[in-house]
Amino acid sequence: MAYEESPSLLALSILVSTFFLEDIAIGYAALLAAMGIISPPFALVALFLGVYIGDLGLYFGGVLARRCEPARRYIGEDRLNQAKQWLDGRALFTLIAARVIPGSRLPIYAAGGYLQLPLRLSRA
C-alpha cells in the first residue's frame, strides 16, 4: 500500500513525529502538503493534535512524578513552594519561553504538572 492511498496513515506519522522533534514534523508535513500527497488542512490538524497530546503528556508526566516519594524528598516542600510562587506571576511568559527556547519544553511542562499548576491560565 502506497502512502498516497492512505492519508490517515500519513497524518498519523505526522502526529507521532511531533512527539520527537516538532520542527522536523512541521517540515515533514509542509513537504507532504506542498507535494500534494496530503491536504494542508489534514496535515495541520495532525500537527496540532500531536503537539497538544505531547504537551499534555509532559504535563501529566510531571503530575505522576509528584507521586514519587523519593523525588518529593529530594526536592523538598520549601523549594516546591518557592518555584510555585515564582511561576505564579510569570506563567504566560514561561509558557511562551517553553515554545521559543529549544529544549525547555520538557522541563517547563513537567514542572508545571509537578507543581500542580492549572492547565488553563486564568484571566487576571
PDB file of N, CA and C in Angstrom:
ATOM      1  N   MET A   1       0.854  -1.186   0.000  1.00  0.00           N
ATOM      2  CA  MET A   1       0.000   0.000   0.000  1.00  0.00           C
ATOM      3  C   MET A   1       0.892   1.239   0.000  1.00  0.00           C
ATOM      4  N   ALA A   2       0.638   2.120  -0.923  1.00  0.00           N
ATOM      5  CA  ALA A   2       1.399   3.368  -1.011  1.00  0.00           C
ATOM      6  C   ALA A   2       0.824   4.375  -0.027  1.00  0.00           C
ATOM      7  N   TYR A   3       1.703   5.238   0.460  1.00  0.00           N
ATOM      8  CA  TYR A   3       1.261   6.264   1.408  1.00  0.00           C
ATOM      9  C   TYR A   3       0.191   7.164   0.801  1.00  0.00           C
ATOM     10  N   GLU A   4       0.302   7.406  -0.501  1.00  0.00           N
ATOM     11  CA  GLU A   4      -0.666   8.290  -1.150  1.00  0.00           C
ATOM     12  C   GLU A   4      -2.080   7.737  -1.048  1.00  0.00           C
ATOM     13  N   GLU A   5      -2.195   6.423  -0.896  1.00  0.00           N
ATOM     14  CA  GLU A   5      -3.501   5.786  -0.809  1.00  0.00           C
ATOM     15  C   GLU A   5      -4.070   5.844   0.603  1.00  0.00           C
ATOM     16  N   SER A   6      -3.258   6.269   1.562  1.00  0.00           N
ATOM     17  CA  SER A   6      -3.709   6.282   2.953  1.00  0.00           C
ATOM     18  C   SER A   6      -3.305   7.591   3.641  1.00  0.00           C
ATOM     19  N   PRO A   7      -4.068   8.664   3.396  1.00  0.00           N
ATOM     20  CA  PRO A   7      -3.740   9.925   4.058  1.00  0.00           C
ATOM     21  C   PRO A   7      -3.851   9.832   5.579  1.00  0.00           C
ATOM     22  N   SER A   8      -4.684   8.928   6.077  1.00  0.00           N
ATOM     23  CA  SER A   8      -4.803   8.764   7.531  1.00  0.00           C
ATOM     24  C   SER A   8      -3.502   8.235   8.121  1.00  0.00           C
ATOM     25  N   LEU A   9      -2.857   7.326   7.421  1.00  0.00           N
ATOM     26  CA  LEU A   9      -1.579   6.798   7.878  1.00  0.00           C
ATOM     27  C   LEU A   9      -0.510   7.895   7.843  1.00  0.00           C
ATOM     28  N   LEU A  10      -0.535   8.719   6.825  1.00  0.00           N
ATOM     29  CA  LEU A  10       0.392   9.854   6.753  1.00  0.00           C
ATOM     30  C   LEU A  10       0.137  10.830   7.893  1.00  0.00           C
ATOM     31  N   ALA A  11      -1.117  11.124   8.153  1.00  0.00           N
ATOM     32  CA  ALA A  11      -1.453  12.039   9.243  1.00  0.00           C
ATOM     33  C   ALA A  11      -0.983  11.459  10.575  1.00  0.00           C
ATOM     34  N   LEU A  12      -1.151  10.156  10.761  1.00  0.00           N
ATOM     35  CA  LEU A  12      -0.682   9.512  11.982  1.00  0.00           C
ATOM     36  C   LEU A  12       0.839   9.613  12.104  1.00  0.00           C
ATOM     37  N   SER A  13       1.552   9.467  10.992  1.00  0.00           N
ATOM     38  CA  SER A  13       3.010   9.581  11.034  1.00  0.00           C
ATOM     39  C   SER A  13       3.432  11.012  11.387  1.00  0.00           C
ATOM     40  N   ILE A  14       2.691  11.996  10.929  1.00  0.00           N
ATOM     41  CA  ILE A  14       2.973  13.392  11.287  1.00  0.00           C
ATOM     42  C   ILE A  14       2.722  13.585  12.779  1.00  0.00           C
ATOM     43  N   LEU A  15       1.574  13.108  13.248  1.00  0.00           N
ATOM     44  CA  LEU A  15       1.213  13.238  14.666  1.00  0.00           C
ATOM     45  C   LEU A  15       2.287  12.613  15.557  1.00  0.00           C
ATOM     46  N   VAL A  16       2.689  11.391  15.264  1.00  0.00           N
ATOM     47  CA  VAL A  16       3.680  10.689  16.081  1.00  0.00           C
ATOM     48  C   VAL A  16       5.034  11.383  16.005  1.00  0.00           C
ATOM     49  N   SER A  17       5.395  11.912  14.853  1.00  0.00           N
ATOM     50  CA  SER A  17       6.703  12.566  14.714  1.00  0.00           C
ATOM     51  C   SER A  17       6.796  13.827  15.574  1.00  0.00           C
ATOM     52  N   THR A  18       5.663  14.449  15.910  1.00  0.00           N
ATOM     53  CA  THR A  18       5.718  15.631  16.775  1.00  0.00           C
ATOM     54  C   THR A  18       6.180  15.281  18.179  1.00  0.00           C
ATOM     55  N   PHE A  19       6.037  14.016  18.589  1.00  0.00           N
ATOM     56  CA  PHE A  19       6.486  13.605  19.917  1.00  0.00           C
ATOM     57  C   PHE A  19       8.006  13.628  20.024  1.00  0.00           C
ATOM     58  N   PHE A  20       8.691  13.560  18.899  1.00  0.00           N
ATOM     59  CA  PHE A  20      10.152  13.500  18.898  1.00  0.00           C
ATOM     60  C   PHE A  20      10.770  14.860  18.590  1.00  0.00           C
ATOM     61  N   LEU A  21      10.478  15.400  17.436  1.00  0.00           N
ATOM     62  CA  LEU A  21      11.016  16.704  17.034  1.00  0.00           C
ATOM     63  C   LEU A  21       9.922  17.484  16.310  1.00  0.00           C
ATOM     64  N   GLU A  22       9.364  18.465  16.978  1.00  0.00           N
ATOM     65  CA  GLU A  22       8.257  19.222  16.392  1.00  0.00           C
ATOM     66  C   GLU A  22       8.678  19.967  15.126  1.00  0.00           C
ATOM     67  N   ASP A  23       9.860  20.548  15.130  1.00  0.00           N
ATOM     68  CA  ASP A  23      10.298  21.314  13.961  1.00  0.00           C
ATOM     69  C   ASP A  23      10.427  20.434  12.724  1.00  0.00           C
ATOM     70  N   ILE A  24      10.966  19.248  12.906  1.00  0.00           N
ATOM     71  CA  ILE A  24      11.093  18.313  11.785  1.00  0.00           C
ATOM     72  C   ILE A  24       9.706  17.862  11.329  1.00  0.00           C
ATOM     73  N   ALA A  25       8.803  17.642  12.268  1.00  0.00           N
ATOM     74  CA  ALA A  25       7.437  17.232  11.924  1.00  0.00           C
ATOM     75  C   ALA A  25       6.739  18.312  11.105  1.00  0.00           C
ATOM     76  N   ILE A  26       6.982  19.567  11.452  1.00  0.00           N
ATOM     77  CA  ILE A  26       6.380  20.669  10.695  1.00  0.00           C
ATOM     78  C   ILE A  26       6.918  20.680   9.269  1.00  0.00           C
ATOM     79  N   GLY A  27       8.220  20.516   9.137  1.00  0.00           N
ATOM     80  CA  GLY A  27       8.819  20.466   7.796  1.00  0.00           C
ATOM     81  C   GLY A  27       8.313  19.283   6.997  1.00  0.00           C
ATOM     82  N   TYR A  28       8.191  18.141   7.645  1.00  0.00           N
ATOM     83  CA  TYR A  28       7.684  16.922   7.015  1.00  0.00           C
ATOM     84  C   TYR A  28       6.256  17.132   6.518  1.00  0.00           C
ATOM     85  N   ALA A  29       5.406  17.700   7.372  1.00  0.00           N
ATOM     86  CA  ALA A  29       4.013  17.945   6.992  1.00  0.00           C
ATOM     87  C   ALA A  29       3.931  18.957   5.853  1.00  0.00           C
ATOM     88  N   ALA A  30       4.747  19.998   5.927  1.00  0.00           N
ATOM     89  CA  ALA A  30       4.743  21.026   4.870  1.00  0.00           C
ATOM     90  C   ALA A  30       5.193  20.435   3.538  1.00  0.00           C
ATOM     91  N   LEU A  31       6.200  19.608   3.584  1.00  0.00           N
ATOM     92  CA  LEU A  31       6.691  18.977   2.353  1.00  0.00           C
ATOM     93  C   LEU A  31       5.632  18.073   1.739  1.00  0.00           C
ATOM     94  N   LEU A  32       4.991  17.266   2.571  1.00  0.00           N
ATOM     95  CA  LEU A  32       3.930  16.390   2.062  1.00  0.00           C
ATOM     96  C   LEU A  32       2.773  17.196   1.477  1.00  0.00           C
ATOM     97  N   ALA A  33       2.417  18.283   2.141  1.00  0.00           N
ATOM     98  CA  ALA A  33       1.324  19.123   1.640  1.00  0.00           C
ATOM     99  C   ALA A  33       1.739  19.832   0.349  1.00  0.00           C
ATOM    100  N   ALA A  34       2.965  20.317   0.281  1.00  0.00           N
ATOM    101  CA  ALA A  34       3.434  21.019  -0.920  1.00  0.00           C
ATOM    102  C   ALA A  34       3.503  20.080  -2.122  1.00  0.00           C
ATOM    103  N   MET A  35       3.792  18.825  -1.863  1.00  0.00           N
ATOM    104  CA  MET A  35       3.862  17.841  -2.942  1.00  0.00           C
ATOM    105  C   MET A  35       2.475  17.314  -3.330  1.00  0.00           C
ATOM    106  N   GLY A  36       1.451  17.736  -2.582  1.00  0.00           N
ATOM    107  CA  GLY A  36       0.090  17.303  -2.877  1.00  0.00           C
ATOM    108  C   GLY A  36      -0.217  15.895  -2.393  1.00  0.00           C
ATOM    109  N   ILE A  37       0.612  15.351  -1.524  1.00  0.00           N
ATOM    110  CA  ILE A  37       0.415  13.995  -1.035  1.00  0.00           C
ATOM    111  C   ILE A  37      -0.646  13.957   0.068  1.00  0.00           C
ATOM    112  N   ILE A  38      -0.732  15.033   0.835  1.00  0.00           N
ATOM    113  CA  ILE A  38      -1.731  15.151   1.890  1.00  0.00           C
ATOM    114  C   ILE A  38      -2.292  16.569   1.837  1.00  0.00           C
ATOM    115  N   SER A  39      -3.536  16.731   2.186  1.00  0.00           N
ATOM    116  CA  SER A  39      -4.117  18.077   2.127  1.00  0.00           C
ATOM    117  C   SER A  39      -3.545  18.928   3.270  1.00  0.00           C
ATOM    118  N   PRO A  40      -3.296  20.209   3.007  1.00  0.00           N
ATOM    119  CA  PRO A  40      -2.752  21.078   4.063  1.00  0.00           C
ATOM    120  C   PRO A  40      -3.610  21.115   5.335  1.00  0.00           C
ATOM    121  N   PRO A  41      -4.957  21.196   5.244  1.00  0.00           N
ATOM    122  CA  PRO A  41      -5.739  21.193   6.490  1.00  0.00           C
ATOM    123  C   PRO A  41      -5.570  19.896   7.292  1.00  0.00           C
ATOM    124  N   PHE A  42      -5.491  18.765   6.601  1.00  0.00           N
ATOM    125  CA  PHE A  42      -5.324  17.477   7.273  1.00  0.00           C
ATOM    126  C   PHE A  42      -3.956  17.421   7.961  1.00  0.00           C
ATOM    127  N   ALA A  43      -2.918  17.913   7.287  1.00  0.00           N
ATOM    128  CA  ALA A  43      -1.575  17.956   7.871  1.00  0.00           C
ATOM    129  C   ALA A  43      -1.556  18.877   9.086  1.00  0.00           C
ATOM    130  N   LEU A  44      -2.237  20.010   8.996  1.00  0.00           N
ATOM    131  CA  LEU A  44      -2.275  20.968  10.103  1.00  0.00           C
ATOM    132  C   LEU A  44      -2.985  20.382  11.325  1.00  0.00           C
ATOM    133  N   VAL A  45      -4.067  19.680  11.095  1.00  0.00           N
ATOM    134  CA  VAL A  45      -4.795  19.048  12.205  1.00  0.00           C
ATOM    135  C   VAL A  45      -3.912  17.986  12.858  1.00  0.00           C
ATOM    136  N   ALA A  46      -3.201  17.203  12.061  1.00  0.00           N
ATOM    137  CA  ALA A  46      -2.303  16.182  12.609  1.00  0.00           C
ATOM    138  C   ALA A  46      -1.199  16.831  13.440  1.00  0.00           C
ATOM    139  N   LEU A  47      -0.640  17.936  12.954  1.00  0.00           N
ATOM    140  CA  LEU A  47       0.380  18.654  13.717  1.00  0.00           C
ATOM    141  C   LEU A  47      -0.178  19.184  15.027  1.00  0.00           C
ATOM    142  N   PHE A  48      -1.325  19.825  14.958  1.00  0.00           N
ATOM    143  CA  PHE A  48      -1.936  20.391  16.163  1.00  0.00           C
ATOM    144  C   PHE A  48      -2.205  19.312  17.205  1.00  0.00           C
ATOM    145  N   LEU A  49      -2.812  18.212  16.781  1.00  0.00           N
ATOM    146  CA  LEU A  49      -3.120  17.129  17.723  1.00  0.00           C
ATOM    147  C   LEU A  49      -1.852  16.531  18.322  1.00  0.00           C
ATOM    148  N   GLY A  50      -0.825  16.370  17.502  1.00  0.00           N
ATOM    149  CA  GLY A  50       0.430  15.820  18.003  1.00  0.00           C
ATOM    150  C   GLY A  50       1.072  16.710  19.046  1.00  0.00           C
ATOM    151  N   VAL A  51       1.102  18.013  18.778  1.00  0.00           N
ATOM    152  CA  VAL A  51       1.686  18.954  19.730  1.00  0.00           C
ATOM    153  C   VAL A  51       0.854  18.991  21.012  1.00  0.00           C
ATOM    154  N   TYR A  52      -0.454  19.031  20.867  1.00  0.00           N
ATOM    155  CA  TYR A  52      -1.350  19.104  22.018  1.00  0.00           C
ATOM    156  C   TYR A  52      -1.225  17.861  22.904  1.00  0.00           C
ATOM    157  N   ILE A  53      -1.268  16.693  22.278  1.00  0.00           N
ATOM    158  CA  ILE A  53      -1.153  15.442  23.031  1.00  0.00           C
ATOM    159  C   ILE A  53       0.227  15.342  23.685  1.00  0.00           C
ATOM    160  N   GLY A  54       1.261  15.746  22.969  1.00  0.00           N
ATOM    161  CA  GLY A  54       2.610  15.712  23.529  1.00  0.00           C
ATOM    162  C   GLY A  54       2.766  16.624  24.730  1.00  0.00           C
ATOM    163  N   ASP A  55       2.210  17.836  24.634  1.00  0.00           N
ATOM    164  CA  ASP A  55       2.281  18.772  25.757  1.00  0.00           C
ATOM    165  C   ASP A  55       1.540  18.237  26.979  1.00  0.00           C
ATOM    166  N   LEU A  56       0.359  17.673  26.747  1.00  0.00           N
ATOM    167  CA  LEU A  56      -0.386  17.074  27.859  1.00  0.00           C
ATOM    168  C   LEU A  56       0.377  15.907  28.469  1.00  0.00           C
ATOM    169  N   GLY A  57       1.043  15.132  27.629  1.00  0.00           N
ATOM    170  CA  GLY A  57       1.834  14.015  28.131  1.00  0.00           C
ATOM    171  C   GLY A  57       2.964  14.475  29.038  1.00  0.00           C
ATOM    172  N   LEU A  58       3.635  15.561  28.663  1.00  0.00           N
ATOM    173  CA  LEU A  58       4.710  16.100  29.508  1.00  0.00           C
ATOM    174  C   LEU A  58       4.149  16.614  30.830  1.00  0.00           C
ATOM    175  N   TYR A  59       3.034  17.327  30.756  1.00  0.00           N
ATOM    176  CA  TYR A  59       2.407  17.866  31.961  1.00  0.00           C
ATOM    177  C   TYR A  59       2.017  16.738  32.915  1.00  0.00           C
ATOM    178  N   PHE A  60       1.333  15.723  32.386  1.00  0.00           N
ATOM    179  CA  PHE A  60       0.872  14.632  33.243  1.00  0.00           C
ATOM    180  C   PHE A  60       2.019  13.726  33.681  1.00  0.00           C
ATOM    181  N   GLY A  61       3.131  13.743  32.953  1.00  0.00           N
ATOM    182  CA  GLY A  61       4.333  13.083  33.437  1.00  0.00           C
ATOM    183  C   GLY A  61       4.814  13.744  34.724  1.00  0.00           C
ATOM    184  N   GLY A  62       4.734  15.071  34.769  1.00  0.00           N
ATOM    185  CA  GLY A  62       5.075  15.802  35.987  1.00  0.00           C
ATOM    186  C   GLY A  62       4.114  15.496  37.118  1.00  0.00           C
ATOM    187  N   VAL A  63       2.839  15.355  36.795  1.00  0.00           N
ATOM    188  CA  VAL A  63       1.843  15.004  37.816  1.00  0.00           C
ATOM    189  C   VAL A  63       2.184  13.636  38.417  1.00  0.00           C
ATOM    190  N   LEU A  64       2.535  12.683  37.574  1.00  0.00           N
ATOM    191  CA  LEU A  64       2.903  11.353  38.065  1.00  0.00           C
ATOM    192  C   LEU A  64       4.197  11.394  38.881  1.00  0.00           C
ATOM    193  N   ALA A  65       5.149  12.207  38.463  1.00  0.00           N
ATOM    194  CA  ALA A  65       6.422  12.310  39.191  1.00  0.00           C
ATOM    195  C   ALA A  65       6.207  12.854  40.600  1.00  0.00           C
ATOM    196  N   ARG A  66       5.212  13.705  40.763  1.00  0.00           N
ATOM    197  CA  ARG A  66       4.931  14.267  42.091  1.00  0.00           C
ATOM    198  C   ARG A  66       4.530  13.172  43.079  1.00  0.00           C
ATOM    199  N   ARG A  67       3.973  12.097  42.580  1.00  0.00           N
ATOM    200  CA  ARG A  67       3.561  10.989  43.442  1.00  0.00           C
ATOM    201  C   ARG A  67       4.742  10.115  43.872  1.00  0.00           C
ATOM    202  N   CYS A  68       5.911  10.382  43.306  1.00  0.00           N
ATOM    203  CA  CYS A  68       7.115   9.617  43.630  1.00  0.00           C
ATOM    204  C   CYS A  68       7.742  10.208  44.894  1.00  0.00           C
ATOM    205  N   GLU A  69       7.651   9.478  45.980  1.00  0.00           N
ATOM    206  CA  GLU A  69       8.115   9.975  47.282  1.00  0.00           C
ATOM    207  C   GLU A  69       9.601  10.344  47.299  1.00  0.00           C
ATOM    208  N   PRO A  70      10.505   9.555  46.715  1.00  0.00           N
ATOM    209  CA  PRO A  70      11.916   9.970  46.721  1.00  0.00           C
ATOM    210  C   PRO A  70      12.148  11.316  46.029  1.00  0.00           C
ATOM    211  N   ALA A  71      11.411  11.575  44.963  1.00  0.00           N
ATOM    212  CA  ALA A  71      11.554  12.866  44.268  1.00  0.00           C
ATOM    213  C   ALA A  71      11.077  14.005  45.161  1.00  0.00           C
ATOM    214  N   ARG A  72       9.984  13.801  45.847  1.00  0.00           N
ATOM    215  CA  ARG A  72       9.456  14.846  46.749  1.00  0.00           C
ATOM    216  C   ARG A  72      10.437  15.142  47.875  1.00  0.00           C
ATOM    217  N   ARG A  73      11.033  14.094  48.431  1.00  0.00           N
ATOM    218  CA  ARG A  73      12.016  14.303  49.497  1.00  0.00           C
ATOM    219  C   ARG A  73      13.248  15.018  48.960  1.00  0.00           C
ATOM    220  N   TYR A  74      13.691  14.647  47.764  1.00  0.00           N
ATOM    221  CA  TYR A  74      14.881  15.246  47.168  1.00  0.00           C
ATOM    222  C   TYR A  74      14.675  16.738  46.900  1.00  0.00           C
ATOM    223  N   ILE A  75      13.530  17.073  46.348  1.00  0.00           N
ATOM    224  CA  ILE A  75      13.254  18.472  46.006  1.00  0.00           C
ATOM    225  C   ILE A  75      12.907  19.276  47.249  1.00  0.00           C
ATOM    226  N   GLY A  76      12.061  18.746  48.095  1.00  0.00           N
ATOM    227  CA  GLY A  76      11.686  19.436  49.329  1.00  0.00           C
ATOM    228  C   GLY A  76      10.511  20.383  49.128  1.00  0.00           C
ATOM    229  N   GLU A  77       9.670  20.459  50.143  1.00  0.00           N
ATOM    230  CA  GLU A  77       8.461  21.293  50.070  1.00  0.00           C
ATOM    231  C   GLU A  77       8.794  22.786  49.974  1.00  0.00           C
ATOM    232  N   ASP A  78       9.855  23.228  50.637  1.00  0.00           N
ATOM    233  CA  ASP A  78      10.223  24.649  50.571  1.00  0.00           C
ATOM    234  C   ASP A  78      10.572  25.062  49.145  1.00  0.00           C
ATOM    235  N   ARG A  79      11.345  24.239  48.469  1.00  0.00           N
ATOM    236  CA  ARG A  79      11.723  24.553  47.086  1.00  0.00           C
ATOM    237  C   ARG A  79      10.509  24.501  46.163  1.00  0.00           C
ATOM    238  N   LEU A  80       9.600  23.566  46.411  1.00  0.00           N
ATOM    239  CA  LEU A  80       8.379  23.494  45.610  1.00  0.00           C
ATOM    240  C   LEU A  80       7.549  24.761  45.776  1.00  0.00           C
ATOM    241  N   ASN A  81       7.402  25.213  47.008  1.00  0.00           N
ATOM    242  CA  ASN A  81       6.636  26.435  47.264  1.00  0.00           C
ATOM    243  C   ASN A  81       7.298  27.650  46.629  1.00  0.00           C
ATOM    244  N   GLN A  82       8.615  27.736  46.687  1.00  0.00           N
ATOM    245  CA  GLN A  82       9.332  28.855  46.063  1.00  0.00           C
ATOM    246  C   GLN A  82       9.127  28.844  44.548  1.00  0.00           C
ATOM    247  N   ALA A  83       9.226  27.670  43.946  1.00  0.00           N
ATOM    248  CA  ALA A  83       9.041  27.560  42.498  1.00  0.00           C
ATOM    249  C   ALA A  83       7.622  27.938  42.097  1.00  0.00           C
ATOM    250  N   LYS A  84       6.652  27.490  42.879  1.00  0.00           N
ATOM    251  CA  LYS A  84       5.256  27.803  42.564  1.00  0.00           C
ATOM    252  C   LYS A  84       4.986  29.299  42.685  1.00  0.00           C
ATOM    253  N   GLN A  85       5.533  29.933  43.714  1.00  0.00           N
ATOM    254  CA  GLN A  85       5.368  31.387  43.870  1.00  0.00           C
ATOM    255  C   GLN A  85       6.025  32.136  42.719  1.00  0.00           C
ATOM    256  N   TRP A  86       7.208  31.700  42.323  1.00  0.00           N
ATOM    257  CA  TRP A  86       7.912  32.358  41.218  1.00  0.00           C
ATOM    258  C   TRP A  86       7.092  32.266  39.940  1.00  0.00           C
ATOM    259  N   LEU A  87       6.506  31.107  39.689  1.00  0.00           N
ATOM    260  CA  LEU A  87       5.741  30.907  38.457  1.00  0.00           C
ATOM    261  C   LEU A  87       4.382  31.597  38.470  1.00  0.00           C
ATOM    262  N   ASP A  88       3.841  31.869  39.648  1.00  0.00           N
ATOM    263  CA  ASP A  88       2.519  32.494  39.727  1.00  0.00           C
ATOM    264  C   ASP A  88       2.428  33.765  38.887  1.00  0.00           C
ATOM    265  N   GLY A  89       3.410  34.617  38.941  1.00  0.00           N
ATOM    266  CA  GLY A  89       3.359  35.870  38.189  1.00  0.00           C
ATOM    267  C   GLY A  89       3.995  35.805  36.820  1.00  0.00           C
ATOM    268  N   ARG A  90       4.556  34.644  36.474  1.00  0.00           N
ATOM    269  CA  ARG A  90       5.297  34.530  35.216  1.00  0.00           C
ATOM    270  C   ARG A  90       4.814  33.371  34.341  1.00  0.00           C
ATOM    271  N   ALA A  91       3.640  32.880  34.572  1.00  0.00           N
ATOM    272  CA  ALA A  91       3.165  31.684  33.869  1.00  0.00           C
ATOM    273  C   ALA A  91       3.107  31.893  32.358  1.00  0.00           C
ATOM    274  N   LEU A  92       2.521  32.974  31.904  1.00  0.00           N
ATOM    275  CA  LEU A  92       2.397  33.204  30.465  1.00  0.00           C
ATOM    276  C   LEU A  92       3.761  33.352  29.811  1.00  0.00           C
ATOM    277  N   PHE A  93       4.640  34.143  30.412  1.00  0.00           N
ATOM    278  CA  PHE A  93       5.989  34.316  29.871  1.00  0.00           C
ATOM    279  C   PHE A  93       6.714  32.970  29.813  1.00  0.00           C
ATOM    280  N   THR A  94       6.560  32.173  30.845  1.00  0.00           N
ATOM    281  CA  THR A  94       7.236  30.881  30.901  1.00  0.00           C
ATOM    282  C   THR A  94       6.715  29.941  29.822  1.00  0.00           C
ATOM    283  N   LEU A  95       5.415  29.954  29.577  1.00  0.00           N
ATOM    284  CA  LEU A  95       4.844  29.118  28.514  1.00  0.00           C
ATOM    285  C   LEU A  95       5.351  29.543  27.142  1.00  0.00           C
ATOM    286  N   ILE A  96       5.441  30.839  26.924  1.00  0.00           N
ATOM    287  CA  ILE A  96       5.973  31.340  25.648  1.00  0.00           C
ATOM    288  C   ILE A  96       7.437  30.938  25.512  1.00  0.00           C
ATOM    289  N   ALA A  97       8.193  31.074  26.582  1.00  0.00           N
ATOM    290  CA  ALA A  97       9.605  30.689  26.557  1.00  0.00           C
ATOM    291  C   ALA A  97       9.758  29.201  26.242  1.00  0.00           C
ATOM    292  N   ALA A  98       8.870  28.375  26.768  1.00  0.00           N
ATOM    293  CA  ALA A  98       8.934  26.934  26.514  1.00  0.00           C
ATOM    294  C   ALA A  98       8.756  26.627  25.029  1.00  0.00           C
ATOM    295  N   ARG A  99       8.011  27.440  24.341  1.00  0.00           N
ATOM    296  CA  ARG A  99       7.797  27.241  22.908  1.00  0.00           C
ATOM    297  C   ARG A  99       8.929  27.821  22.062  1.00  0.00           C
ATOM    298  N   VAL A 100       9.648  28.802  22.593  1.00  0.00           N
ATOM    299  CA  VAL A 100      10.672  29.503  21.813  1.00  0.00           C
ATOM    300  C   VAL A 100      12.081  28.963  22.070  1.00  0.00           C
ATOM    301  N   ILE A 101      12.380  28.605  23.301  1.00  0.00           N
ATOM    302  CA  ILE A 101      13.730  28.172  23.672  1.00  0.00           C
ATOM    303  C   ILE A 101      13.836  26.661  23.497  1.00  0.00           C
ATOM    304  N   PRO A 102      14.695  26.220  22.580  1.00  0.00           N
ATOM    305  CA  PRO A 102      14.831  24.778  22.345  1.00  0.00           C
ATOM    306  C   PRO A 102      15.256  24.037  23.611  1.00  0.00           C
ATOM    307  N   GLY A 103      14.633  22.895  23.827  1.00  0.00           N
ATOM    308  CA  GLY A 103      14.977  22.056  24.961  1.00  0.00           C
ATOM    309  C   GLY A 103      14.310  22.428  26.269  1.00  0.00           C
ATOM    310  N   SER A 104      13.521  23.481  26.278  1.00  0.00           N
ATOM    311  CA  SER A 104      12.920  23.919  27.542  1.00  0.00           C
ATOM    312  C   SER A 104      11.499  23.394  27.752  1.00  0.00           C
ATOM    313  N   ARG A 105      10.900  22.865  26.722  1.00  0.00           N
ATOM    314  CA  ARG A 105       9.513  22.424  26.829  1.00  0.00           C
ATOM    315  C   ARG A 105       9.348  21.284  27.832  1.00  0.00           C
ATOM    316  N   LEU A 106      10.185  20.276  27.758  1.00  0.00           N
ATOM    317  CA  LEU A 106      10.062  19.143  28.668  1.00  0.00           C
ATOM    318  C   LEU A 106      10.182  19.578  30.125  1.00  0.00           C
ATOM    319  N   PRO A 107      11.249  20.274  30.524  1.00  0.00           N
ATOM    320  CA  PRO A 107      11.333  20.631  31.948  1.00  0.00           C
ATOM    321  C   PRO A 107      10.239  21.600  32.401  1.00  0.00           C
ATOM    322  N   ILE A 108       9.842  22.525  31.541  1.00  0.00           N
ATOM    323  CA  ILE A 108       8.831  23.513  31.948  1.00  0.00           C
ATOM    324  C   ILE A 108       7.453  22.860  32.076  1.00  0.00           C
ATOM    325  N   TYR A 109       7.057  22.061  31.100  1.00  0.00           N
ATOM    326  CA  TYR A 109       5.743  21.427  31.170  1.00  0.00           C
ATOM    327  C   TYR A 109       5.688  20.384  32.274  1.00  0.00           C
ATOM    328  N   ALA A 110       6.765  19.612  32.435  1.00  0.00           N
ATOM    329  CA  ALA A 110       6.794  18.616  33.512  1.00  0.00           C
ATOM    330  C   ALA A 110       6.770  19.309  34.871  1.00  0.00           C
ATOM    331  N   ALA A 111       7.488  20.416  35.001  1.00  0.00           N
ATOM    332  CA  ALA A 111       7.466  21.171  36.257  1.00  0.00           C
ATOM    333  C   ALA A 111       6.075  21.714  36.532  1.00  0.00           C
ATOM    334  N   GLY A 112       5.381  22.162  35.498  1.00  0.00           N
ATOM    335  CA  GLY A 112       4.011  22.644  35.674  1.00  0.00           C
ATOM    336  C   GLY A 112       3.107  21.572  36.242  1.00  0.00           C
ATOM    337  N   GLY A 113       3.249  20.353  35.741  1.00  0.00           N
ATOM    338  CA  GLY A 113       2.465  19.245  36.284  1.00  0.00           C
ATOM    339  C   GLY A 113       2.895  18.886  37.692  1.00  0.00           C
ATOM    340  N   TYR A 114       4.196  18.901  37.921  1.00  0.00           N
ATOM    341  CA  TYR A 114       4.720  18.561  39.245  1.00  0.00           C
ATOM    342  C   TYR A 114       4.262  19.575  40.288  1.00  0.00           C
ATOM    343  N   LEU A 115       4.236  20.842  39.902  1.00  0.00           N
ATOM    344  CA  LEU A 115       3.829  21.905  40.825  1.00  0.00           C
ATOM    345  C   LEU A 115       2.316  22.075  40.899  1.00  0.00           C
ATOM    346  N   GLN A 116       1.597  21.262  40.166  1.00  0.00           N
ATOM    347  CA  GLN A 116       0.132  21.296  40.129  1.00  0.00           C
ATOM    348  C   GLN A 116      -0.409  22.649  39.681  1.00  0.00           C
ATOM    349  N   LEU A 117       0.260  23.234  38.690  1.00  0.00           N
ATOM    350  CA  LEU A 117      -0.245  24.477  38.117  1.00  0.00           C
ATOM    351  C   LEU A 117      -1.473  24.150  37.274  1.00  0.00           C
ATOM    352  N   PRO A 118      -2.420  25.075  37.176  1.00  0.00           N
ATOM    353  CA  PRO A 118      -3.622  24.777  36.380  1.00  0.00           C
ATOM    354  C   PRO A 118      -3.278  24.626  34.906  1.00  0.00           C
ATOM    355  N   LEU A 119      -4.008  23.757  34.239  1.00  0.00           N
ATOM    356  CA  LEU A 119      -3.791  23.577  32.802  1.00  0.00           C
ATOM    357  C   LEU A 119      -4.176  24.817  32.014  1.00  0.00           C
ATOM    358  N   ARG A 120      -5.053  25.590  32.566  1.00  0.00           N
ATOM    359  CA  ARG A 120      -5.552  26.780  31.856  1.00  0.00           C
ATOM    360  C   ARG A 120      -5.189  28.026  32.669  1.00  0.00           C
ATOM    361  N   LEU A 121      -4.653  29.009  31.973  1.00  0.00           N
ATOM    362  CA  LEU A 121      -4.326  30.261  32.650  1.00  0.00           C
ATOM    363  C   LEU A 121      -5.605  31.050  32.897  1.00  0.00           C
ATOM    364  N   SER A 122      -5.721  31.603  34.063  1.00  0.00           N
ATOM    365  CA  SER A 122      -6.900  32.424  34.359  1.00  0.00           C
ATOM    366  C   SER A 122      -6.636  33.854  33.916  1.00  0.00           C
ATOM    367  N   ARG A 123      -7.696  34.524  33.576  1.00  0.00           N
ATOM    368  CA  ARG A 123      -7.566  35.932  33.169  1.00  0.00           C
ATOM    369  C   ARG A 123      -7.580  36.798  34.412  1.00  0.00           C
ATOM    370  N   ALA A 124      -6.554  37.624  34.518  1.00  0.00           N
ATOM    371  CA  ALA A 124      -6.459  38.488  35.703  1.00  0.00           C
ATOM    372  C   ALA A 124      -6.857  39.900  35.359  1.00  0.00           C
TER     373      ALA A 124
END
